[in-house]
Amino acid sequence: MKPRRQQAPITIRSDRAAKRLALLTRTGRSQAEIIEEALEKVPLPPTDDQERQAFLDEIDEITLRAAGRPRKWKSLAEFDEATYDERGLLK
């Protein structure tokens, strides 16, 4: 960690955030501690590898569900067998 003088300053451009930060620092905590604690609670965006893996997992789940589901529709052969007789006439 760099010495305090070499660190880049944090600029707060929101009046609401500045007032809230002032209230939170009244107990003696430093602004840096409060901001670091808040940043730790914010989730980081996923990396490209994590997004790719999540996409592949979703595709795997969809294909597994589709393969395990019983077929609702008759095949063309089953339809023909139920609809037509051996001479090709309607039953």
PDB file of N, CA and C in Angstrom:
ATOM      1  N   MET A   1       0.844  -1.175   0.000  1.00  0.00           N
ATOM      2  CA  MET A   1       0.000   0.000   0.000  1.00  0.00           C
ATOM      3  C   MET A   1       0.888   1.236   0.000  1.00  0.00           C
ATOM      4  N   LYS A   2       0.510   2.206  -0.779  1.00  0.00           N
ATOM      5  CA  LYS A   2       1.292   3.441  -0.895  1.00  0.00           C
ATOM      6  C   LYS A   2       1.109   4.308   0.353  1.00  0.00           C
ATOM      7  N   PRO A   3       2.112   5.132   0.653  1.00  0.00           N
ATOM      8  CA  PRO A   3       1.920   6.095   1.742  1.00  0.00           C
ATOM      9  C   PRO A   3       0.766   7.042   1.413  1.00  0.00           C
ATOM     10  N   ARG A   4       0.183   7.583   2.430  1.00  0.00           N
ATOM     11  CA  ARG A   4      -1.019   8.399   2.261  1.00  0.00           C
ATOM     12  C   ARG A   4      -0.823   9.552   1.280  1.00  0.00           C
ATOM     13  N   ARG A   5       0.327  10.162   1.272  1.00  0.00           N
ATOM     14  CA  ARG A   5       0.567  11.307   0.385  1.00  0.00           C
ATOM     15  C   ARG A   5       0.646  10.909  -1.081  1.00  0.00           C
ATOM     16  N   GLN A   6       0.987   9.655  -1.349  1.00  0.00           N
ATOM     17  CA  GLN A   6       1.109   9.203  -2.734  1.00  0.00           C
ATOM     18  C   GLN A   6      -0.190   8.617  -3.281  1.00  0.00           C
ATOM     19  N   GLN A   7      -1.187   8.444  -2.451  1.00  0.00           N
ATOM     20  CA  GLN A   7      -2.456   7.881  -2.898  1.00  0.00           C
ATOM     21  C   GLN A   7      -3.282   8.944  -3.611  1.00  0.00           C
ATOM     22  N   ALA A   8      -4.051   8.508  -4.593  1.00  0.00           N
ATOM     23  CA  ALA A   8      -4.942   9.425  -5.303  1.00  0.00           C
ATOM     24  C   ALA A   8      -6.109   9.811  -4.392  1.00  0.00           C
ATOM     25  N   PRO A   9      -6.487  11.077  -4.366  1.00  0.00           N
ATOM     26  CA  PRO A   9      -7.603  11.489  -3.519  1.00  0.00           C
ATOM     27  C   PRO A   9      -8.942  11.001  -4.087  1.00  0.00           C
ATOM     28  N   ILE A  10      -9.883  10.803  -3.191  1.00  0.00           N
ATOM     29  CA  ILE A  10     -11.224  10.397  -3.593  1.00  0.00           C
ATOM     30  C   ILE A  10     -12.096  11.647  -3.630  1.00  0.00           C
ATOM     31  N   THR A  11     -12.769  11.850  -4.730  1.00  0.00           N
ATOM     32  CA  THR A  11     -13.650  13.009  -4.874  1.00  0.00           C
ATOM     33  C   THR A  11     -15.095  12.539  -4.782  1.00  0.00           C
ATOM     34  N   ILE A  12     -15.849  13.135  -3.880  1.00  0.00           N
ATOM     35  CA  ILE A  12     -17.266  12.804  -3.736  1.00  0.00           C
ATOM     36  C   ILE A  12     -18.055  13.952  -4.358  1.00  0.00           C
ATOM     37  N   ARG A  13     -18.781  13.661  -5.404  1.00  0.00           N
ATOM     38  CA  ARG A  13     -19.489  14.708  -6.149  1.00  0.00           C
ATOM     39  C   ARG A  13     -20.954  14.823  -5.756  1.00  0.00           C
ATOM     40  N   SER A  14     -21.429  13.949  -4.927  1.00  0.00           N
ATOM     41  CA  SER A  14     -22.827  13.965  -4.520  1.00  0.00           C
ATOM     42  C   SER A  14     -22.949  14.609  -3.146  1.00  0.00           C
ATOM     43  N   ASP A  15     -23.829  15.608  -3.026  1.00  0.00           N
ATOM     44  CA  ASP A  15     -24.054  16.240  -1.723  1.00  0.00           C
ATOM     45  C   ASP A  15     -24.633  15.243  -0.729  1.00  0.00           C
ATOM     46  N   ARG A  16     -25.519  14.411  -1.221  1.00  0.00           N
ATOM     47  CA  ARG A  16     -26.151  13.409  -0.360  1.00  0.00           C
ATOM     48  C   ARG A  16     -25.101  12.452   0.198  1.00  0.00           C
ATOM     49  N   ALA A  17     -24.195  11.986  -0.664  1.00  0.00           N
ATOM     50  CA  ALA A  17     -23.150  11.054  -0.220  1.00  0.00           C
ATOM     51  C   ALA A  17     -22.183  11.751   0.740  1.00  0.00           C
ATOM     52  N   ALA A  18     -21.849  13.006   0.486  1.00  0.00           N
ATOM     53  CA  ALA A  18     -20.935  13.735   1.363  1.00  0.00           C
ATOM     54  C   ALA A  18     -21.551  13.920   2.748  1.00  0.00           C
ATOM     55  N   LYS A  19     -22.855  14.224   2.803  1.00  0.00           N
ATOM     56  CA  LYS A  19     -23.529  14.390   4.096  1.00  0.00           C
ATOM     57  C   LYS A  19     -23.583  13.060   4.853  1.00  0.00           C
ATOM     58  N   ARG A  20     -23.858  11.996   4.128  1.00  0.00           N
ATOM     59  CA  ARG A  20     -23.919  10.680   4.767  1.00  0.00           C
ATOM     60  C   ARG A  20     -22.535  10.268   5.284  1.00  0.00           C
ATOM     61  N   LEU A  21     -21.515  10.546   4.495  1.00  0.00           N
ATOM     62  CA  LEU A  21     -20.153  10.224   4.920  1.00  0.00           C
ATOM     63  C   LEU A  21     -19.768  11.040   6.165  1.00  0.00           C
ATOM     64  N   ALA A  22     -20.192  12.291   6.214  1.00  0.00           N
ATOM     65  CA  ALA A  22     -19.907  13.128   7.388  1.00  0.00           C
ATOM     66  C   ALA A  22     -20.586  12.555   8.632  1.00  0.00           C
ATOM     67  N   LEU A  23     -21.814  12.056   8.486  1.00  0.00           N
ATOM     68  CA  LEU A  23     -22.503  11.443   9.628  1.00  0.00           C
ATOM     69  C   LEU A  23     -21.794  10.172  10.084  1.00  0.00           C
ATOM     70  N   LEU A  24     -21.313   9.384   9.128  1.00  0.00           N
ATOM     71  CA  LEU A  24     -20.659   8.125   9.474  1.00  0.00           C
ATOM     72  C   LEU A  24     -19.281   8.327  10.100  1.00  0.00           C
ATOM     73  N   THR A  25     -18.637   9.449   9.817  1.00  0.00           N
ATOM     74  CA  THR A  25     -17.305   9.702  10.375  1.00  0.00           C
ATOM     75  C   THR A  25     -17.358  10.364  11.745  1.00  0.00           C
ATOM     76  N   ARG A  26     -18.538  10.712  12.241  1.00  0.00           N
ATOM     77  CA  ARG A  26     -18.651  11.353  13.550  1.00  0.00           C
ATOM     78  C   ARG A  26     -18.204  10.443  14.684  1.00  0.00           C
ATOM     79  N   THR A  27     -18.256   9.133  14.461  1.00  0.00           N
ATOM     80  CA  THR A  27     -17.868   8.190  15.520  1.00  0.00           C
ATOM     81  C   THR A  27     -16.363   8.028  15.616  1.00  0.00           C
ATOM     82  N   GLY A  28     -15.608   8.677  14.723  1.00  0.00           N
ATOM     83  CA  GLY A  28     -14.158   8.598  14.777  1.00  0.00           C
ATOM     84  C   GLY A  28     -13.544   7.716  13.703  1.00  0.00           C
ATOM     85  N   ARG A  29     -14.372   7.064  12.938  1.00  0.00           N
ATOM     86  CA  ARG A  29     -13.850   6.245  11.849  1.00  0.00           C
ATOM     87  C   ARG A  29     -13.400   7.149  10.717  1.00  0.00           C
ATOM     88  N   SER A  30     -12.391   6.696   9.961  1.00  0.00           N
ATOM     89  CA  SER A  30     -11.897   7.516   8.853  1.00  0.00           C
ATOM     90  C   SER A  30     -12.783   7.316   7.623  1.00  0.00           C
ATOM     91  N   GLN A  31     -12.742   8.299   6.759  1.00  0.00           N
ATOM     92  CA  GLN A  31     -13.505   8.202   5.517  1.00  0.00           C
ATOM     93  C   GLN A  31     -13.047   7.001   4.696  1.00  0.00           C
ATOM     94  N   ALA A  32     -11.747   6.741   4.692  1.00  0.00           N
ATOM     95  CA  ALA A  32     -11.212   5.620   3.912  1.00  0.00           C
ATOM     96  C   ALA A  32     -11.766   4.290   4.421  1.00  0.00           C
ATOM     97  N   GLU A  33     -11.852   4.121   5.741  1.00  0.00           N
ATOM     98  CA  GLU A  33     -12.399   2.887   6.303  1.00  0.00           C
ATOM     99  C   GLU A  33     -13.843   2.678   5.869  1.00  0.00           C
ATOM    100  N   ILE A  34     -14.618   3.731   5.941  1.00  0.00           N
ATOM    101  CA  ILE A  34     -16.035   3.643   5.591  1.00  0.00           C
ATOM    102  C   ILE A  34     -16.202   3.317   4.114  1.00  0.00           C
ATOM    103  N   ILE A  35     -15.440   3.990   3.268  1.00  0.00           N
ATOM    104  CA  ILE A  35     -15.539   3.756   1.827  1.00  0.00           C
ATOM    105  C   ILE A  35     -15.064   2.351   1.479  1.00  0.00           C
ATOM    106  N   GLU A  36     -13.951   1.885   2.079  1.00  0.00           N
ATOM    107  CA  GLU A  36     -13.459   0.533   1.820  1.00  0.00           C
ATOM    108  C   GLU A  36     -14.481  -0.520   2.243  1.00  0.00           C
ATOM    109  N   GLU A  37     -15.103  -0.311   3.391  1.00  0.00           N
ATOM    110  CA  GLU A  37     -16.119  -1.248   3.874  1.00  0.00           C
ATOM    111  C   GLU A  37     -17.306  -1.303   2.902  1.00  0.00           C
ATOM    112  N   ALA A  38     -17.721  -0.144   2.424  1.00  0.00           N
ATOM    113  CA  ALA A  38     -18.832  -0.102   1.471  1.00  0.00           C
ATOM    114  C   ALA A  38     -18.464  -0.779   0.154  1.00  0.00           C
ATOM    115  N   LEU A  39     -17.244  -0.560  -0.309  1.00  0.00           N
ATOM    116  CA  LEU A  39     -16.807  -1.171  -1.566  1.00  0.00           C
ATOM    117  C   LEU A  39     -16.686  -2.686  -1.447  1.00  0.00           C
ATOM    118  N   GLU A  40     -16.340  -3.183  -0.269  1.00  0.00           N
ATOM    119  CA  GLU A  40     -16.258  -4.632  -0.071  1.00  0.00           C
ATOM    120  C   GLU A  40     -17.618  -5.294  -0.215  1.00  0.00           C
ATOM    121  N   LYS A  41     -18.682  -4.573   0.108  1.00  0.00           N
ATOM    122  CA  LYS A  41     -20.033  -5.131   0.044  1.00  0.00           C
ATOM    123  C   LYS A  41     -20.591  -5.157  -1.378  1.00  0.00           C
ATOM    124  N   VAL A  42     -20.022  -4.379  -2.278  1.00  0.00           N
ATOM    125  CA  VAL A  42     -20.508  -4.336  -3.658  1.00  0.00           C
ATOM    126  C   VAL A  42     -19.909  -5.517  -4.417  1.00  0.00           C
ATOM    127  N   PRO A  43     -20.759  -6.342  -5.069  1.00  0.00           N
ATOM    128  CA  PRO A  43     -20.218  -7.485  -5.806  1.00  0.00           C
ATOM    129  C   PRO A  43     -19.462  -7.027  -7.057  1.00  0.00           C
ATOM    130  N   LEU A  44     -18.388  -7.741  -7.347  1.00  0.00           N
ATOM    131  CA  LEU A  44     -17.604  -7.430  -8.539  1.00  0.00           C
ATOM    132  C   LEU A  44     -18.297  -8.003  -9.770  1.00  0.00           C
ATOM    133  N   PRO A  45     -18.161  -7.353 -10.920  1.00  0.00           N
ATOM    134  CA  PRO A  45     -18.758  -7.918 -12.124  1.00  0.00           C
ATOM    135  C   PRO A  45     -18.035  -9.208 -12.510  1.00  0.00           C
ATOM    136  N   PRO A  46     -18.749 -10.141 -13.133  1.00  0.00           N
ATOM    137  CA  PRO A  46     -18.111 -11.411 -13.491  1.00  0.00           C
ATOM    138  C   PRO A  46     -17.065 -11.215 -14.584  1.00  0.00           C
ATOM    139  N   THR A  47     -16.046 -12.058 -14.552  1.00  0.00           N
ATOM    140  CA  THR A  47     -15.034 -12.026 -15.603  1.00  0.00           C
ATOM    141  C   THR A  47     -15.586 -12.719 -16.842  1.00  0.00           C
ATOM    142  N   ASP A  48     -14.878 -12.601 -17.949  1.00  0.00           N
ATOM    143  CA  ASP A  48     -15.319 -13.235 -19.187  1.00  0.00           C
ATOM    144  C   ASP A  48     -15.422 -14.750 -19.025  1.00  0.00           C
ATOM    145  N   ASP A  49     -14.467 -15.346 -18.311  1.00  0.00           N
ATOM    146  CA  ASP A  49     -14.493 -16.793 -18.098  1.00  0.00           C
ATOM    147  C   ASP A  49     -15.702 -17.207 -17.272  1.00  0.00           C
ATOM    148  N   GLN A  50     -16.047 -16.411 -16.263  1.00  0.00           N
ATOM    149  CA  GLN A  50     -17.212 -16.731 -15.434  1.00  0.00           C
ATOM    150  C   GLN A  50     -18.500 -16.593 -16.237  1.00  0.00           C
ATOM    151  N   GLU A  51     -18.603 -15.565 -17.080  1.00  0.00           N
ATOM    152  CA  GLU A  51     -19.791 -15.394 -17.910  1.00  0.00           C
ATOM    153  C   GLU A  51     -19.925 -16.549 -18.894  1.00  0.00           C
ATOM    154  N   ARG A  52     -18.810 -16.939 -19.498  1.00  0.00           N
ATOM    155  CA  ARG A  52     -18.826 -18.041 -20.461  1.00  0.00           C
ATOM    156  C   ARG A  52     -19.248 -19.341 -19.777  1.00  0.00           C
ATOM    157  N   GLN A  53     -18.704 -19.594 -18.589  1.00  0.00           N
ATOM    158  CA  GLN A  53     -19.044 -20.820 -17.873  1.00  0.00           C
ATOM    159  C   GLN A  53     -20.512 -20.810 -17.444  1.00  0.00           C
ATOM    160  N   ALA A  54     -21.023 -19.674 -17.006  1.00  0.00           N
ATOM    161  CA  ALA A  54     -22.437 -19.574 -16.631  1.00  0.00           C
ATOM    162  C   ALA A  54     -23.330 -19.843 -17.832  1.00  0.00           C
ATOM    163  N   PHE A  55     -22.943 -19.333 -18.999  1.00  0.00           N
ATOM    164  CA  PHE A  55     -23.712 -19.564 -20.225  1.00  0.00           C
ATOM    165  C   PHE A  55     -23.707 -21.054 -20.583  1.00  0.00           C
ATOM    166  N   LEU A  56     -22.538 -21.688 -20.501  1.00  0.00           N
ATOM    167  CA  LEU A  56     -22.448 -23.117 -20.824  1.00  0.00           C
ATOM    168  C   LEU A  56     -23.232 -23.956 -19.819  1.00  0.00           C
ATOM    169  N   ASP A  57     -23.215 -23.588 -18.553  1.00  0.00           N
ATOM    170  CA  ASP A  57     -23.994 -24.307 -17.548  1.00  0.00           C
ATOM    171  C   ASP A  57     -25.487 -24.194 -17.831  1.00  0.00           C
ATOM    172  N   GLU A  58     -25.927 -23.009 -18.243  1.00  0.00           N
ATOM    173  CA  GLU A  58     -27.336 -22.805 -18.573  1.00  0.00           C
ATOM    174  C   GLU A  58     -27.749 -23.660 -19.772  1.00  0.00           C
ATOM    175  N   ILE A  59     -26.896 -23.718 -20.791  1.00  0.00           N
ATOM    176  CA  ILE A  59     -27.183 -24.546 -21.967  1.00  0.00           C
ATOM    177  C   ILE A  59     -27.238 -26.019 -21.575  1.00  0.00           C
ATOM    178  N   ASP A  60     -26.298 -26.465 -20.736  1.00  0.00           N
ATOM    179  CA  ASP A  60     -26.306 -27.860 -20.276  1.00  0.00           C
ATOM    180  C   ASP A  60     -27.593 -28.190 -19.525  1.00  0.00           C
ATOM    181  N   GLU A  61     -28.041 -27.272 -18.691  1.00  0.00           N
ATOM    182  CA  GLU A  61     -29.269 -27.495 -17.931  1.00  0.00           C
ATOM    183  C   GLU A  61     -30.477 -27.611 -18.863  1.00  0.00           C
ATOM    184  N   ILE A  62     -30.537 -26.754 -19.861  1.00  0.00           N
ATOM    185  CA  ILE A  62     -31.655 -26.786 -20.810  1.00  0.00           C
ATOM    186  C   ILE A  62     -31.667 -28.097 -21.581  1.00  0.00           C
ATOM    187  N   THR A  63     -30.505 -28.542 -22.055  1.00  0.00           N
ATOM    188  CA  THR A  63     -30.461 -29.786 -22.818  1.00  0.00           C
ATOM    189  C   THR A  63     -30.785 -30.991 -21.946  1.00  0.00           C
ATOM    190  N   LEU A  64     -30.355 -30.977 -20.686  1.00  0.00           N
ATOM    191  CA  LEU A  64     -30.694 -32.088 -19.794  1.00  0.00           C
ATOM    192  C   LEU A  64     -32.193 -32.144 -19.525  1.00  0.00           C
ATOM    193  N   ARG A  65     -32.801 -30.982 -19.314  1.00  0.00           N
ATOM    194  CA  ARG A  65     -34.248 -30.959 -19.095  1.00  0.00           C
ATOM    195  C   ARG A  65     -34.994 -31.433 -20.330  1.00  0.00           C
ATOM    196  N   ALA A  66     -34.531 -31.018 -21.511  1.00  0.00           N
ATOM    197  CA  ALA A  66     -35.203 -31.405 -22.759  1.00  0.00           C
ATOM    198  C   ALA A  66     -35.054 -32.906 -23.011  1.00  0.00           C
ATOM    199  N   ALA A  67     -33.905 -33.472 -22.713  1.00  0.00           N
ATOM    200  CA  ALA A  67     -33.676 -34.898 -22.953  1.00  0.00           C
ATOM    201  C   ALA A  67     -34.467 -35.758 -21.967  1.00  0.00           C
ATOM    202  N   GLY A  68     -34.667 -35.275 -20.773  1.00  0.00           N
ATOM    203  CA  GLY A  68     -35.374 -36.049 -19.763  1.00  0.00           C
ATOM    204  C   GLY A  68     -36.884 -35.942 -19.857  1.00  0.00           C
ATOM    205  N   ARG A  69     -37.380 -35.042 -20.647  1.00  0.00           N
ATOM    206  CA  ARG A  69     -38.818 -34.811 -20.756  1.00  0.00           C
ATOM    207  C   ARG A  69     -39.438 -35.838 -21.715  1.00  0.00           C
ATOM    208  N   PRO A  70     -40.534 -36.478 -21.344  1.00  0.00           N
ATOM    209  CA  PRO A  70     -41.173 -37.413 -22.274  1.00  0.00           C
ATOM    210  C   PRO A  70     -41.743 -36.676 -23.489  1.00  0.00           C
ATOM    211  N   ARG A  71     -41.718 -37.349 -24.610  1.00  0.00           N
ATOM    212  CA  ARG A  71     -42.200 -36.741 -25.851  1.00  0.00           C
ATOM    213  C   ARG A  71     -43.720 -36.641 -25.824  1.00  0.00           C
ATOM    214  N   LYS A  72     -44.244 -35.475 -26.123  1.00  0.00           N
ATOM    215  CA  LYS A  72     -45.683 -35.256 -26.118  1.00  0.00           C
ATOM    216  C   LYS A  72     -46.293 -35.519 -27.487  1.00  0.00           C
ATOM    217  N   TRP A  73     -45.507 -35.348 -28.537  1.00  0.00           N
ATOM    218  CA  TRP A  73     -46.025 -35.451 -29.886  1.00  0.00           C
ATOM    219  C   TRP A  73     -45.739 -36.817 -30.485  1.00  0.00           C
ATOM    220  N   LYS A  74     -46.658 -37.285 -31.325  1.00  0.00           N
ATOM    221  CA  LYS A  74     -46.450 -38.540 -32.026  1.00  0.00           C
ATOM    222  C   LYS A  74     -45.475 -38.317 -33.161  1.00  0.00           C
ATOM    223  N   SER A  75     -44.718 -39.367 -33.462  1.00  0.00           N
ATOM    224  CA  SER A  75     -43.866 -39.278 -34.639  1.00  0.00           C
ATOM    225  C   SER A  75     -44.749 -39.375 -35.874  1.00  0.00           C
ATOM    226  N   LEU A  76     -44.213 -39.070 -37.034  1.00  0.00           N
ATOM    227  CA  LEU A  76     -44.988 -39.139 -38.273  1.00  0.00           C
ATOM    228  C   LEU A  76     -45.438 -40.570 -38.553  1.00  0.00           C
ATOM    229  N   ALA A  77     -44.609 -41.549 -38.250  1.00  0.00           N
ATOM    230  CA  ALA A  77     -44.971 -42.956 -38.456  1.00  0.00           C
ATOM    231  C   ALA A  77     -46.129 -43.347 -37.537  1.00  0.00           C
ATOM    232  N   GLU A  78     -46.073 -42.908 -36.268  1.00  0.00           N
ATOM    233  CA  GLU A  78     -47.165 -43.212 -35.341  1.00  0.00           C
ATOM    234  C   GLU A  78     -48.455 -42.541 -35.771  1.00  0.00           C
ATOM    235  N   PHE A  79     -48.355 -41.315 -36.250  1.00  0.00           N
ATOM    236  CA  PHE A  79     -49.540 -40.601 -36.734  1.00  0.00           C
ATOM    237  C   PHE A  79     -50.144 -41.330 -37.929  1.00  0.00           C
ATOM    238  N   ASP A  80     -49.292 -41.714 -38.895  1.00  0.00           N
ATOM    239  CA  ASP A  80     -49.789 -42.435 -40.081  1.00  0.00           C
ATOM    240  C   ASP A  80     -50.439 -43.753 -39.687  1.00  0.00           C
ATOM    241  N   GLU A  81     -49.839 -44.481 -38.761  1.00  0.00           N
ATOM    242  CA  GLU A  81     -50.381 -45.768 -38.331  1.00  0.00           C
ATOM    243  C   GLU A  81     -51.742 -45.602 -37.672  1.00  0.00           C
ATOM    244  N   ALA A  82     -51.909 -44.538 -36.873  1.00  0.00           N
ATOM    245  CA  ALA A  82     -53.177 -44.312 -36.187  1.00  0.00           C
ATOM    246  C   ALA A  82     -54.236 -43.740 -37.119  1.00  0.00           C
ATOM    247  N   THR A  83     -53.828 -43.070 -38.200  1.00  0.00           N
ATOM    248  CA  THR A  83     -54.781 -42.375 -39.061  1.00  0.00           C
ATOM    249  C   THR A  83     -55.164 -43.182 -40.304  1.00  0.00           C
ATOM    250  N   TYR A  84     -54.236 -43.916 -40.889  1.00  0.00           N
ATOM    251  CA  TYR A  84     -54.466 -44.603 -42.160  1.00  0.00           C
ATOM    252  C   TYR A  84     -54.392 -46.115 -41.982  1.00  0.00           C
ATOM    253  N   ASP A  85     -55.124 -46.816 -42.859  1.00  0.00           N
ATOM    254  CA  ASP A  85     -55.030 -48.280 -42.845  1.00  0.00           C
ATOM    255  C   ASP A  85     -53.891 -48.728 -43.749  1.00  0.00           C
ATOM    256  N   GLU A  86     -53.755 -50.052 -43.955  1.00  0.00           N
ATOM    257  CA  GLU A  86     -52.647 -50.585 -44.730  1.00  0.00           C
ATOM    258  C   GLU A  86     -52.693 -50.192 -46.206  1.00  0.00           C
ATOM    259  N   ARG A  87     -53.851 -49.776 -46.745  1.00  0.00           N
ATOM    260  CA  ARG A  87     -53.979 -49.359 -48.149  1.00  0.00           C
ATOM    261  C   ARG A  87     -53.800 -47.838 -48.301  1.00  0.00           C
ATOM    262  N   GLY A  88     -53.586 -47.114 -47.199  1.00  0.00           N
ATOM    263  CA  GLY A  88     -53.378 -45.668 -47.261  1.00  0.00           C
ATOM    264  C   GLY A  88     -54.678 -44.867 -47.197  1.00  0.00           C
ATOM    265  N   LEU A  89     -55.787 -45.543 -46.877  1.00  0.00           N
ATOM    266  CA  LEU A  89     -57.069 -44.870 -46.749  1.00  0.00           C
ATOM    267  C   LEU A  89     -57.301 -44.477 -45.298  1.00  0.00           C
ATOM    268  N   LEU A  90     -58.093 -43.419 -45.110  1.00  0.00           N
ATOM    269  CA  LEU A  90     -58.419 -43.005 -43.736  1.00  0.00           C
ATOM    270  C   LEU A  90     -59.160 -44.099 -43.023  1.00  0.00           C
ATOM    271  N   LYS A  91     -58.885 -44.288 -41.777  1.00  0.00           N
ATOM    272  CA  LYS A  91     -59.583 -45.296 -40.980  1.00  0.00           C
ATOM    273  C   LYS A  91     -60.950 -44.810 -40.589  1.00  0.00           C
TER     274      LYS A  91
END
